[in-house]
Amino acid sequence: MHELSLAQGLVEQLEKAAVAENALRVERIIVVIGKYSGVERDAFEFAFPFAAEGTLSERAKLEIEELPVQVECRQCAALSNPEPTLLLCGQCGSNDVELKGGREFLIRSVELEVP
């Protein structure tokens, strides 16, 4: 499961941040996942507690924000958020578009409990 390795990598980053701040534990983490990131939200949510077990992130509340696909039209320069399965400009309907967003997988914020 690819999401488990992503969750393990996330927990490693959280551990480093917590240790650097002398935190007692990680309270909350907000992760951003784009529709084209290749990360399955449900699988990632399932994997996170296993990856966090025995770490400072073990009781952390995981929140996930999903980002839509965003394209820029090469014909009319409009930005739009089409369905991931049909990449067309929302303004003029052209299929001559460039993917501008939706591949993200990143940490938006981390809340730590510090002494």
Protein backbone atom coordinates (compact mmCIF):
# COMPACT_ATOMS: atom_id res chain seq x y z
CA MET A 1 0.00 0.00 0.00
CA HIS A 2 1.62 3.19 -1.24
CA GLU A 3 -0.38 5.32 1.23
CA LEU A 4 1.28 3.55 4.18
CA SER A 5 4.75 4.63 3.01
CA LEU A 6 3.43 8.18 2.55
CA ALA A 7 1.98 8.11 6.07
CA GLN A 8 5.30 6.83 7.43
CA GLY A 9 7.16 9.63 5.67
CA LEU A 10 4.71 12.17 7.07
CA VAL A 11 5.15 10.82 10.60
CA GLU A 12 8.94 11.07 10.22
CA GLN A 13 8.59 14.74 9.28
CA LEU A 14 6.24 15.34 12.19
CA GLU A 15 8.67 13.68 14.59
CA LYS A 16 11.51 15.92 13.41
CA ALA A 17 9.36 19.05 13.81
CA ALA A 18 8.18 17.97 17.26
CA VAL A 19 11.70 17.19 18.49
CA ALA A 20 13.02 20.49 17.11
CA GLU A 21 10.35 22.35 19.10
CA ASN A 22 10.73 20.20 22.24
CA ALA A 23 7.07 19.24 21.89
CA LEU A 24 5.37 16.70 24.10
CA ARG A 25 3.23 15.49 21.23
CA VAL A 26 1.67 16.35 17.89
CA GLU A 27 -1.91 17.55 18.47
CA ARG A 28 -3.23 18.12 14.96
CA ILE A 29 -2.04 17.91 11.37
CA ILE A 30 -3.70 19.29 8.25
CA VAL A 31 -2.64 17.66 4.99
CA VAL A 32 -3.60 18.88 1.51
CA ILE A 33 -4.23 16.22 -1.13
CA GLY A 34 -4.88 17.12 -4.76
CA LYS A 35 -7.27 15.07 -6.88
CA TYR A 36 -4.40 14.15 -9.24
CA SER A 37 -1.84 13.43 -6.49
CA GLY A 38 -2.25 9.67 -6.77
CA VAL A 39 -3.05 9.48 -3.04
CA GLU A 40 -6.24 7.68 -2.08
CA ARG A 41 -7.74 9.67 0.79
CA ASP A 42 -9.47 6.77 2.55
CA ALA A 43 -6.38 4.55 2.36
CA PHE A 44 -4.19 7.36 3.69
CA GLU A 45 -6.57 8.02 6.60
CA PHE A 46 -6.56 4.30 7.35
CA ALA A 47 -2.75 4.05 7.20
CA PHE A 48 -1.92 7.11 9.30
CA PRO A 49 -2.72 5.60 12.75
CA PHE A 50 -0.55 2.56 11.99
CA ALA A 51 2.36 4.76 10.91
CA ALA A 52 1.95 7.00 13.97
CA GLU A 53 1.71 4.20 16.53
CA GLY A 54 4.32 4.63 19.28
CA THR A 55 5.37 8.11 18.10
CA LEU A 56 4.68 11.67 19.21
CA SER A 57 1.97 11.71 16.51
CA GLU A 58 0.10 8.71 17.88
CA ARG A 59 -2.92 10.69 19.12
CA ALA A 60 -2.75 13.46 16.51
CA LYS A 61 -5.96 14.48 14.81
CA LEU A 62 -5.47 14.11 11.05
CA GLU A 63 -7.45 16.49 8.86
CA ILE A 64 -7.39 16.28 5.08
CA GLU A 65 -8.24 19.05 2.66
CA GLU A 66 -8.87 17.95 -0.90
CA LEU A 67 -7.84 20.28 -3.70
CA PRO A 68 -9.65 20.19 -7.02
CA VAL A 69 -7.98 19.89 -10.37
CA GLN A 70 -7.19 23.30 -11.83
CA VAL A 71 -6.38 23.96 -15.47
CA GLU A 72 -5.38 27.02 -17.47
CA CYS A 73 -6.72 27.27 -20.99
CA ARG A 74 -4.13 27.89 -23.70
CA GLN A 75 -6.85 29.38 -25.91
CA CYS A 76 -8.58 31.90 -23.63
CA ALA A 77 -6.24 31.91 -20.57
CA ALA A 78 -9.12 31.15 -18.17
CA LEU A 79 -8.51 29.16 -15.00
CA SER A 80 -11.13 26.55 -14.19
CA ASN A 81 -11.74 23.47 -12.07
CA PRO A 82 -12.99 20.73 -14.40
CA GLU A 83 -13.94 17.21 -13.44
CA PRO A 84 -10.75 15.15 -13.08
CA THR A 85 -11.92 12.79 -15.82
CA LEU A 86 -12.71 15.54 -18.36
CA LEU A 87 -10.03 18.21 -18.60
CA LEU A 88 -11.78 20.94 -20.54
CA CYS A 89 -11.73 24.70 -20.12
CA GLY A 90 -14.72 25.80 -18.08
CA GLN A 91 -14.91 29.05 -20.05
CA CYS A 92 -14.60 28.09 -23.72
CA GLY A 93 -14.70 24.27 -23.64
CA SER A 94 -11.26 23.81 -25.24
CA ASN A 95 -9.25 20.72 -24.42
CA ASP A 96 -6.01 22.65 -24.97
CA VAL A 97 -5.36 23.13 -21.27
CA GLU A 98 -2.39 23.00 -18.92
CA LEU A 99 -2.71 21.36 -15.51
CA LYS A 100 -2.01 24.00 -12.86
CA GLY A 101 -3.20 22.31 -9.69
CA GLY A 102 -4.39 19.06 -8.25
CA ARG A 103 -1.12 17.15 -7.87
CA GLU A 104 -0.34 18.52 -4.39
CA PHE A 105 0.43 16.42 -1.35
CA LEU A 106 1.67 18.67 1.41
CA ILE A 107 1.43 19.64 5.04
CA ARG A 108 -0.69 22.77 5.53
CA SER A 109 -0.20 23.04 9.30
CA VAL A 110 0.91 21.22 12.41
CA GLU A 111 -0.17 21.91 15.98
CA LEU A 112 2.17 20.77 18.74
CA GLU A 113 1.76 20.48 22.50
CA VAL A 114 4.75 22.22 24.01
CA PRO A 115 5.66 22.45 27.71
